[in-house]
Protein backbone atom coordinates (compact mmCIF):
# COMPACT_ATOMS: atom_id res chain seq x y z
CA MET A 1 73.18 35.57 53.81
CA LYS A 2 73.28 33.19 50.84
CA LYS A 3 70.75 31.04 52.59
CA GLU A 4 68.32 33.96 52.87
CA GLU A 5 68.84 34.90 49.20
CA HIS A 6 68.18 31.31 48.20
CA TYR A 7 64.98 31.31 50.27
CA ILE A 8 63.79 34.60 48.71
CA GLN A 9 64.54 33.30 45.19
CA LYS A 10 62.58 30.15 45.95
CA ILE A 11 59.55 32.23 46.98
CA LYS A 12 59.83 34.30 43.77
CA ASP A 13 59.99 31.17 41.62
CA LYS A 14 56.95 29.74 43.35
CA THR A 15 55.05 33.01 42.89
CA MET A 16 55.94 33.14 39.18
CA TYR A 17 54.78 29.55 38.77
CA GLN A 18 51.41 30.36 40.35
CA MET A 19 51.00 33.47 38.18
CA LYS A 20 51.81 31.49 35.02
CA LYS A 21 49.33 28.83 36.06
CA ILE A 22 46.59 31.43 36.60
CA PHE A 23 47.49 33.09 33.30
CA PHE A 24 47.15 29.83 31.35
CA ILE A 25 43.83 29.04 33.07
CA VAL A 26 42.47 32.47 32.07
CA ILE A 27 43.69 32.01 28.49
CA ILE A 28 42.04 28.57 28.21
CA PHE A 29 38.80 29.97 29.69
CA LEU A 30 38.76 32.84 27.17
CA ILE A 31 39.43 30.46 24.28
CA GLN A 32 36.55 28.21 25.37
CA LEU A 33 34.29 31.23 25.86
CA ASN A 34 35.13 32.51 22.39
CA ALA A 35 34.57 29.06 20.87
CA LYS A 36 31.21 28.83 22.58
CA ALA A 37 30.29 32.30 21.32
CA GLN A 38 31.21 31.25 17.76
CA GLU A 39 29.37 27.92 17.98
CA LYS A 40 26.68 27.80 15.35
CA LYS A 41 23.15 26.87 16.29
CA GLU A 42 21.81 23.98 14.22
CA ILE A 43 18.43 24.75 12.65
CA THR A 44 16.09 22.16 11.12
CA ILE A 45 12.77 23.12 9.60
CA GLU A 46 10.90 21.77 12.65
CA SER A 47 13.16 23.56 15.14
CA ALA A 48 12.82 26.74 13.07
CA LYS A 49 9.02 26.57 13.30
CA ALA A 50 9.10 25.81 17.02
CA TYR A 51 11.55 28.64 17.71
CA ALA A 52 9.44 31.10 15.71
CA LEU A 53 6.26 30.18 17.60
CA ASN A 54 8.04 30.70 20.93
CA HIS A 55 9.80 33.96 20.08
CA SER A 56 7.51 35.84 17.70
CA LYS A 57 6.55 39.24 19.14
CA ASN A 58 3.27 39.16 17.21
CA LYS A 59 2.41 35.83 18.83
CA MET A 60 3.28 37.20 22.27
CA ASN A 61 0.94 40.14 21.64
CA ASP A 62 -1.87 37.81 20.53
CA GLY A 63 -1.20 35.68 23.61
CA LEU A 64 -1.90 38.74 25.74
CA GLU A 65 -5.19 39.15 23.88
CA VAL A 66 -6.16 35.59 24.86
CA GLU A 67 -5.21 36.30 28.46
CA LYS A 68 -7.34 39.46 28.38
CA ALA A 69 -10.31 37.47 27.07
CA GLU A 70 -9.93 34.88 29.84
CA LEU A 71 -9.93 37.66 32.42
CA LYS A 72 -13.16 38.96 30.84
CA VAL A 73 -14.81 35.60 31.57
CA LYS A 74 -13.72 35.85 35.20
CA GLU A 75 -15.08 39.40 35.29
CA TYR A 76 -18.53 38.19 34.19
CA LEU A 77 -18.45 35.33 36.68
CA GLY A 78 -17.56 37.81 39.40
CA LEU A 79 -20.70 39.82 38.66
CA LEU A 80 -22.81 36.73 39.39
CA LEU A 81 -21.24 36.35 42.84
CA PRO A 82 -22.23 38.37 45.95
CA GLN A 83 -21.25 42.05 45.82
CA VAL A 84 -20.41 43.77 49.11
CA ASN A 85 -19.98 47.56 49.35
CA ALA A 86 -19.66 50.04 52.18
CA ASP A 87 -20.79 53.66 52.19
CA LEU A 88 -20.27 56.55 54.58
CA SER A 89 -22.16 59.81 54.14
CA PHE A 90 -22.38 63.14 55.95
CA THR A 91 -25.26 65.59 55.42
CA HIS A 92 -25.53 69.13 56.77
CA PHE A 93 -28.79 71.03 56.43
CA GLY A 94 -28.31 74.81 56.40
CA LYS A 95 -32.05 74.94 56.72
CA LEU A 96 -34.07 71.92 57.63
CA PRO A 97 -36.83 70.98 55.16
CA SER A 98 -40.31 71.99 56.26
CA SER A 99 -43.47 69.91 56.45
CA ILE A 100 -47.13 70.90 56.62
CA ILE A 101 -49.45 69.39 59.19
CA PRO A 102 -52.98 69.74 57.81
CA SER A 103 -55.67 71.39 59.94
CA ASN A 104 -57.79 69.21 62.19
CA THR A 105 -54.87 66.79 62.56
CA PHE A 106 -54.90 67.50 66.29
CA PRO A 107 -57.91 68.40 68.48
CA GLY A 108 -58.59 72.13 68.37
CA GLN A 109 -56.28 72.70 65.34
CA THR A 110 -58.03 75.04 62.90
CA GLU A 111 -55.18 75.92 60.51
CA ASP A 112 -52.37 74.13 58.67
CA LEU A 113 -49.16 74.12 60.64
CA VAL A 114 -45.69 74.52 59.07
CA THR A 115 -43.01 72.76 61.04
CA THR A 116 -39.55 71.15 60.65
CA PHE A 117 -38.34 67.73 61.61
CA GLY A 118 -34.87 66.27 61.92
CA THR A 119 -31.40 67.46 62.87
CA PRO A 120 -29.04 69.65 60.83
CA ASN A 121 -26.02 67.27 61.03
CA ASN A 122 -26.39 63.62 60.05
CA VAL A 123 -23.89 60.80 59.46
CA SER A 124 -24.80 57.41 58.01
CA ALA A 125 -22.56 54.33 57.66
CA ASN A 126 -23.79 51.16 55.92
CA ILE A 127 -22.56 47.83 54.57
CA ASN A 128 -24.60 46.68 51.57
CA LEU A 129 -24.86 43.17 50.12
CA SER A 130 -26.41 42.38 46.75
CA GLN A 131 -26.73 39.10 44.91
CA ILE A 132 -28.11 38.40 41.44
CA ILE A 133 -30.60 35.59 41.87
CA PHE A 134 -31.66 35.41 38.23
CA ASN A 135 -30.55 37.40 35.21
CA GLY A 136 -30.67 35.52 31.91
CA SER A 137 -28.60 38.07 29.98
CA PHE A 138 -25.75 37.72 32.49
CA LEU A 139 -25.76 33.94 32.19
CA ILE A 140 -25.60 34.13 28.40
CA GLY A 141 -22.99 36.87 28.74
CA VAL A 142 -20.68 34.42 30.50
CA LYS A 143 -21.06 31.99 27.60
CA GLY A 144 -20.37 34.82 25.17
CA ALA A 145 -17.21 35.73 27.06
CA GLN A 146 -16.05 32.11 26.85
CA GLU A 147 -16.68 32.14 23.10
CA TYR A 148 -14.66 35.36 22.90
CA VAL A 149 -11.76 33.44 24.46
CA GLU A 150 -12.09 30.83 21.72
CA LEU A 151 -12.21 33.63 19.15
CA SER A 152 -8.95 35.06 20.52
CA LYS A 153 -7.35 31.61 20.41
CA LYS A 154 -8.38 31.22 16.77
CA GLU A 155 -6.83 34.60 16.00
CA LEU A 156 -3.68 33.31 17.70
CA ALA A 157 -3.79 30.14 15.58
CA LEU A 158 -4.21 32.24 12.43
CA ASN A 159 -1.12 34.22 13.33
CA ASP A 160 0.72 30.92 13.91
CA GLU A 161 -0.15 29.84 10.36
CA GLN A 162 1.27 33.06 8.95
CA ILE A 163 4.45 32.78 11.03
CA ILE A 164 5.08 29.16 10.02
CA ASP A 165 4.38 29.88 6.35
CA GLN A 166 6.97 32.69 6.34
CA VAL A 167 9.51 30.50 8.16
CA ILE A 168 9.07 27.60 5.72
CA ARG A 169 9.50 29.85 2.68
CA ALA A 170 12.61 31.44 4.18
CA PHE A 171 13.98 27.98 5.04
CA TYR A 172 13.48 26.79 1.45
CA ALA A 173 15.25 29.91 0.17
CA VAL A 174 18.31 29.06 2.28
CA LEU A 175 18.42 25.47 0.97
CA VAL A 176 18.01 26.56 -2.65
CA THR A 177 20.74 29.22 -2.55
CA ARG A 178 23.04 26.84 -0.69
CA GLU A 179 22.43 24.07 -3.25
CA ASN A 180 23.13 26.56 -6.02
CA LEU A 181 26.39 27.53 -4.33
CA GLU A 182 27.46 23.88 -4.07
CA ILE A 183 26.81 23.31 -7.77
CA ILE A 184 28.67 26.44 -8.86
CA THR A 185 31.56 25.63 -6.52
CA GLN A 186 31.84 22.17 -8.08
CA ASN A 187 31.82 23.81 -11.52
CA LYS A 188 34.70 25.99 -10.39
CA THR A 189 36.69 22.94 -9.24
CA ASN A 190 36.13 21.23 -12.58
CA LEU A 191 37.07 24.36 -14.49
CA GLU A 192 40.27 24.87 -12.48
CA LYS A 193 41.27 21.29 -13.31
CA LEU A 194 40.57 21.92 -17.01
CA ILE A 195 42.62 25.13 -16.96
CA PHE A 196 45.56 23.28 -15.43
CA GLU A 197 45.41 20.58 -18.11
CA THR A 198 45.01 23.16 -20.90
CA GLU A 199 48.05 25.08 -19.67
CA GLN A 200 50.04 21.87 -19.90
CA TYR A 201 48.81 21.37 -23.46
CA TYR A 202 49.78 24.97 -24.23
CA LYS A 203 53.31 24.43 -22.90
CA ASN A 204 53.60 21.42 -25.20
CA GLY A 205 52.26 23.42 -28.15
CA PHE A 206 48.97 21.60 -28.59
CA VAL A 207 46.69 24.62 -27.92
CA GLU A 208 46.93 28.37 -28.30
CA GLN A 209 47.21 31.02 -25.58
CA LEU A 210 43.73 32.20 -26.62
CA ASP A 211 42.26 28.90 -25.49
CA VAL A 212 43.84 29.31 -22.04
CA ASP A 213 42.68 32.91 -21.78
CA ARG A 214 39.09 31.97 -22.63
CA LEU A 215 39.04 29.38 -19.85
CA LYS A 216 40.56 31.84 -17.37
CA LEU A 217 37.91 34.40 -18.30
CA SER A 218 35.25 31.79 -17.58
CA LEU A 219 36.87 31.14 -14.19
CA THR A 220 36.85 34.87 -13.39
CA ASN A 221 33.16 35.10 -14.23
CA LEU A 222 32.49 32.00 -12.16
CA ASN A 223 34.30 33.49 -9.13
CA THR A 224 32.17 36.63 -9.44
CA THR A 225 29.03 34.47 -9.56
CA ILE A 226 30.14 32.52 -6.48
CA LYS A 227 30.71 35.72 -4.47
CA GLY A 228 27.22 36.88 -5.38
CA ILE A 229 25.64 33.57 -4.37
CA GLU A 230 27.61 33.55 -1.08
CA LEU A 231 26.05 36.93 -0.29
CA GLN A 232 22.62 35.50 -1.19
CA VAL A 233 23.17 32.60 1.23
CA LYS A 234 23.96 35.07 4.04
CA LEU A 235 20.97 37.20 3.09
CA THR A 236 18.56 34.24 3.08
CA GLU A 237 19.94 33.05 6.44
CA THR A 238 19.40 36.55 7.85
CA LEU A 239 15.83 36.55 6.50
CA LEU A 240 15.24 33.15 8.11
CA LYS A 241 16.49 34.42 11.49
CA TYR A 242 14.25 37.48 11.13
CA GLN A 243 11.18 35.35 10.41
CA MET A 244 12.06 33.14 13.39
CA GLY A 245 12.43 36.10 15.74
CA MET A 246 16.07 35.14 16.35
CA PRO A 247 18.82 37.74 16.94
CA LEU A 248 20.28 38.55 13.52
CA ASP A 249 23.88 38.33 14.78
CA GLU A 250 23.48 34.77 16.10
CA PRO A 251 25.37 32.29 13.90
CA ILE A 252 23.33 29.38 12.57
CA ILE A 253 23.79 26.34 10.37
CA VAL A 254 20.75 25.14 8.44
CA ILE A 255 20.32 21.36 8.48
CA GLY A 256 18.57 19.77 5.53
CA LYS A 257 18.79 18.89 1.85
CA LEU A 258 16.43 19.80 -0.95
CA ASP A 259 15.94 16.12 -1.75
CA ASP A 260 14.43 15.64 1.73
CA PHE A 261 11.54 17.93 0.78
CA LEU A 262 10.97 16.62 -2.74
CA THR A 263 9.73 13.21 -1.58
CA ASN A 264 5.95 12.73 -1.84
CA ILE A 265 5.73 16.14 -3.50
CA THR A 266 3.04 14.87 -5.89
CA ILE A 267 0.63 14.38 -2.99
CA GLY A 268 -0.24 18.06 -3.32
CA ILE A 269 -1.39 17.48 -6.91
CA ASP A 270 -4.07 15.06 -5.70
CA SER A 271 -5.20 17.28 -2.81
CA ILE A 272 -8.90 18.11 -2.43
CA ALA A 273 -10.05 21.67 -1.76
CA ASP A 274 -11.04 21.53 1.92
CA PHE A 275 -10.55 24.84 3.70
CA SER A 276 -12.10 23.83 7.03
CA ASN A 277 -8.66 23.75 8.68
CA ARG A 278 -7.75 27.29 7.67
CA GLY A 279 -7.38 29.66 10.58
CA ASP A 280 -9.25 32.56 8.95
CA VAL A 281 -12.23 30.33 8.03
CA ASN A 282 -12.42 29.04 11.60
CA LEU A 283 -12.12 32.62 12.80
CA MET A 284 -15.11 33.67 10.69
CA ASN A 285 -17.16 30.76 12.04
CA ALA A 286 -16.23 31.74 15.59
CA ARG A 287 -17.39 35.31 14.92
CA VAL A 288 -20.73 33.99 13.66
CA ASN A 289 -21.16 31.87 16.80
CA LEU A 290 -20.25 34.82 19.01
CA GLN A 291 -22.89 37.03 17.37
CA LYS A 292 -25.51 34.27 17.67
CA THR A 293 -24.76 34.12 21.37
CA ASN A 294 -25.13 37.90 21.50
CA ILE A 295 -28.63 37.57 20.00
CA LYS A 296 -29.48 35.03 22.70
CA ARG A 297 -28.26 37.45 25.36
CA LEU A 298 -30.41 40.25 23.95
CA LYS A 299 -33.49 38.00 23.88
CA TYR A 300 -32.91 36.96 27.49
CA GLU A 301 -33.16 40.64 28.45
CA TYR A 302 -36.91 40.30 27.85
CA LEU A 303 -37.06 38.03 30.92
CA PRO A 304 -37.52 39.40 34.45
CA SER A 305 -34.45 39.73 36.64
CA LEU A 306 -34.37 39.10 40.38
CA VAL A 307 -31.85 40.61 42.79
CA GLY A 308 -31.54 40.06 46.53
CA PHE A 309 -30.11 42.73 48.83
CA ALA A 310 -29.35 43.32 52.50
CA THR A 311 -28.03 46.30 54.47
CA ILE A 312 -26.69 46.76 57.96
CA GLY A 313 -25.74 50.20 59.17
CA SER A 314 -25.87 52.94 61.74
CA GLN A 315 -26.62 56.68 61.74
CA ALA A 316 -25.99 59.60 64.04
CA LEU A 317 -28.35 62.59 64.17
CA ARG A 318 -26.80 65.69 65.81
CA GLN A 319 -27.67 69.29 66.42
CA LYS A 320 -23.93 70.06 66.41
CA PHE A 321 -20.92 68.52 64.69
CA ASP A 322 -19.97 66.31 67.62
CA PHE A 323 -19.85 62.88 66.00
CA PHE A 324 -16.71 61.96 67.93
CA ASN A 325 -18.61 62.29 71.18
CA PHE A 326 -19.35 58.61 71.74
CA ASN A 327 -21.65 59.36 74.65
CA GLU A 328 -24.28 60.44 72.15
CA PRO A 329 -26.36 57.62 70.67
CA TRP A 330 -25.90 55.94 67.22
CA LEU A 331 -29.06 54.46 65.76
CA ASN A 332 -28.57 51.00 64.21
CA GLN A 333 -30.57 49.56 61.32
CA ARG A 334 -30.64 46.37 59.25
CA PHE A 335 -32.92 45.09 56.53
CA PHE A 336 -33.02 42.73 53.57
CA GLY A 337 -35.28 42.15 50.60
CA VAL A 338 -35.57 41.20 46.96
CA GLN A 339 -36.20 43.29 43.85
CA LEU A 340 -37.93 42.01 40.74
CA ASN A 341 -37.47 43.97 37.51
CA VAL A 342 -39.90 43.16 34.69
CA PRO A 343 -39.30 44.67 31.21
CA ILE A 344 -42.64 45.82 29.78
CA TRP A 345 -42.09 48.15 26.82
CA ASP A 346 -38.94 49.48 25.18
CA SER A 347 -40.45 50.89 21.96
CA TYR A 348 -38.87 48.09 19.87
CA SER A 349 -35.38 49.27 20.81
CA ARG A 350 -34.10 45.79 21.72
CA LYS A 351 -35.81 44.24 18.68
CA ARG A 352 -33.99 46.65 16.35
CA THR A 353 -30.71 45.81 18.07
CA ILE A 354 -31.31 42.09 17.48
CA GLN A 355 -32.14 42.73 13.83
CA GLY A 356 -28.91 44.70 13.46
CA VAL A 357 -26.88 41.79 14.90
CA GLU A 358 -28.64 39.37 12.51
CA VAL A 359 -27.65 41.57 9.56
CA GLY A 360 -24.08 41.54 10.89
CA ILE A 361 -24.12 37.72 10.94
CA LYS A 362 -25.21 37.64 7.29
CA GLN A 363 -22.36 40.00 6.42
CA ILE A 364 -19.80 37.77 8.16
CA GLU A 365 -21.16 34.65 6.45
CA MET A 366 -21.14 36.35 3.06
CA THR A 367 -17.57 37.57 3.59
CA ARG A 368 -16.55 34.02 4.57
CA ASP A 369 -18.21 32.54 1.46
CA ILE A 370 -16.54 35.11 -0.82
CA MET A 371 -13.22 34.34 0.84
CA ILE A 372 -13.66 30.58 0.30
CA ASP A 373 -14.57 31.16 -3.37
CA GLY A 374 -11.31 33.07 -3.74
CA TYR A 375 -9.39 30.27 -2.07
CA GLU A 376 -10.85 27.76 -4.51
CA ILE A 377 -9.48 29.78 -7.42
CA GLN A 378 -6.11 30.15 -5.68
CA PHE A 379 -6.09 26.43 -4.96
CA GLU A 380 -6.60 25.52 -8.62
CA ASN A 381 -3.90 27.99 -9.63
CA ALA A 382 -1.53 26.53 -7.03
CA LYS A 383 -2.19 22.99 -8.27
CA THR A 384 -1.55 24.11 -11.85
CA GLU A 385 1.68 25.79 -10.78
CA LEU A 386 2.75 22.67 -8.87
CA ILE A 387 2.08 20.43 -11.89
CA THR A 388 3.94 22.80 -14.22
CA ALA A 389 6.85 23.24 -11.81
CA TYR A 390 7.09 19.52 -11.15
CA ASP A 391 7.13 18.71 -14.87
CA ALA A 392 9.86 21.31 -15.35
CA TYR A 393 11.80 19.83 -12.42
CA ILE A 394 11.65 16.30 -13.90
CA SER A 395 12.64 17.68 -17.31
CA TYR A 396 15.59 19.72 -16.02
CA GLU A 397 16.72 16.84 -13.81
CA SER A 398 17.21 14.69 -16.91
CA ASN A 399 18.54 17.67 -18.88
CA ILE A 400 21.30 18.17 -16.30
CA GLN A 401 22.55 14.65 -16.87
CA LEU A 402 22.45 15.24 -20.62
CA ALA A 403 24.19 18.64 -20.34
CA GLU A 404 26.91 17.14 -18.13
CA LYS A 405 27.41 14.33 -20.65
CA ILE A 406 27.70 16.82 -23.54
CA TYR A 407 30.14 18.95 -21.56
CA LYS A 408 32.37 15.98 -20.70
CA THR A 409 32.31 14.72 -24.30
CA THR A 410 33.24 18.18 -25.54
CA GLN A 411 36.10 18.30 -23.03
CA VAL A 412 37.45 14.96 -24.34
CA LYS A 413 37.19 16.17 -27.93
CA TYR A 414 38.93 19.41 -26.98
CA LYS A 415 41.79 17.58 -25.25
CA GLU A 416 42.21 15.28 -28.25
CA GLY A 417 42.41 18.26 -30.58
CA ILE A 418 39.28 17.51 -32.57
CA GLY A 419 37.13 20.10 -30.80
CA SER A 420 37.45 23.88 -30.53
CA SER A 421 37.45 26.09 -27.43
CA LEU A 422 34.29 27.73 -28.73
CA GLU A 423 32.50 24.39 -28.67
CA LEU A 424 33.74 23.87 -25.11
CA LYS A 425 32.56 27.34 -24.10
CA SER A 426 29.13 26.68 -25.63
CA ALA A 427 28.76 23.35 -23.81
CA GLU A 428 29.85 24.96 -20.56
CA SER A 429 27.27 27.76 -20.96
CA GLU A 430 24.50 25.24 -21.68
CA LEU A 431 25.43 23.25 -18.57
CA TYR A 432 25.36 26.33 -16.32
CA THR A 433 22.00 27.45 -17.78
CA THR A 434 20.50 23.99 -17.27
CA GLN A 435 21.77 23.91 -13.66
CA ALA A 436 20.21 27.33 -12.97
CA ASN A 437 16.90 26.20 -14.49
CA TYR A 438 17.03 23.04 -12.39
CA ILE A 439 17.51 25.00 -9.15
CA ASN A 440 14.74 27.42 -10.10
CA ALA A 441 12.39 24.50 -10.88
CA ILE A 442 13.06 22.96 -7.45
CA TYR A 443 12.25 26.25 -5.73
CA ARG A 444 9.06 26.61 -7.78
CA VAL A 445 7.97 23.09 -6.78
CA LEU A 446 8.59 23.72 -3.07
CA ILE A 447 6.83 27.10 -3.06
CA ALA A 448 3.84 25.74 -5.03
CA LYS A 449 3.50 22.84 -2.58
CA GLN A 450 3.74 25.24 0.35
CA GLU A 451 1.08 27.45 -1.21
CA ILE A 452 -1.27 24.44 -1.36
CA ASN A 453 -0.50 23.57 2.27
CA LYS A 454 -1.17 27.16 3.30
CA LEU A 455 -4.49 27.22 1.47
CA LEU A 456 -5.55 23.97 3.14
CA GLY A 457 -4.39 25.16 6.59
CA ILE A 458 -1.74 22.45 6.85
CA LEU A 459 1.09 23.61 9.09
C-alpha cells in the first residue's frame, strides 16, 4: 500500500515539475514579447525619408496614377494590333421588301412588275478581322500616351519633394526640442546643486531664508518649463511619425544631433538660383511637351488612313424558323479588302482645335515663367533669412559662453558673500534667455537652409 502511495506521489511531483516548467517558459515568452513590443524603432533622417516615401498614402495614390498611364499606352498599342470580332444576327421580315421590275425587262412585258425577293427568316454569323495599316494620329497618340506616363511620374516626383520636405522639417523640430530639453535639464541639475549648497550656508548662518526660497522658486519654475518641453518633444515626435506615415502609437527614438546638420551650412548662402531640378517646373515642361505632341497628332489627322479588313461567315435563309434543322443549307461567304479614308474638308474645325492647343501651351509657359519669377524672390528672401539666422546663431553661440561665465562668476561671488541673490537671479535669467535664443537661432538656420534646398529641388 505504501509502495503504491509512493508511486502516486512520485507521479504528482513529476507532473508539478512539468507544469512549473511550462509556466516559466510562458512567463519568459511573454516578457520577451512585451520587451519586443516596447522596443523603440531608431529613426535617422535618411531612414525617415525612406520610410515616408514607402508608406505615404498620397504617394501610393500617385503610384496608381502612373500605373493607369502605363496601361493607357498599352491600350493605344492594342488598337494598332489586329482586331477580331464575331457577330450573330437574326432578321425576321413581317413583310418582305418589294422591288419593281421595269417594263420591257422580259420579252412581252408591257408593264412594270412589283415583286418580292428573299425569305422572311434570316440568320447571319460572321468573324471579322480588321487591321490598321496606316494611321498617323494613332502613331503619335502612342507617343503622347508615353509622355503622359512621364507626366504622371513627374507628378509623383513632385509629391515626393513635398513629403521629404515635411519630414525634414518635422525631424529638425524633434532635434531642436530635444536639445532644448537637454539644456534645461542641465540647468536644473546645476540649480539643485546650488540650492543644496545655499541650504548649507543658511544652516551656518551665512545667508537668509529668503535666498533659499528664491532659488527654490526658480527650481519650481524650471520644473514647470521642463514638463512643457517634454510634452513638446512627444508632440514633435508624433508629428514626425504622422509625416512619415508611421502608426502614431509606435515608439521611436530619433538618432542625430543638431551639430551634425550645422556643418557646411554656409553652402546655401553661396547657392545659385537654378530651379531646373524642381518637380513643379519639370511638371510644367512635361505638360508643354505633351500638348506639342497633341498638336502633332491633330496635324497627322490631315493624312489619309488605310485599314485592311477580312470577313468569313455563313447565313441561313428560311421560310420558317427552323434554323436547328441542319439538313437545310447554310450559305458560306468570305472576303477581304482595304479601305482608304482621305480627309478633304472639315470647315477649319481641326485648325481651330490646333490653335486652341497652341494658346494652351502659351498659358502653361506663362504660368511656369510667373512661377519661376516668384521662386527667385523666395530664393533671395531665403538666402537673406539664412544669412541673418546664421549671424544670430554665431552671435548667440558666443553669448552662451559669456552668459555661462557671468553666471558662474556671480555664483562664486554669492557663495563668498560679496554678491546678492538678486544678482544671481538676474544672471540666471540672462543665461536662460540666451540659451533660448541660441536654440531658436539654430532652428531658424536649419529651416532657412531647408527652404533653399526646397526651392532648388534638392531632396
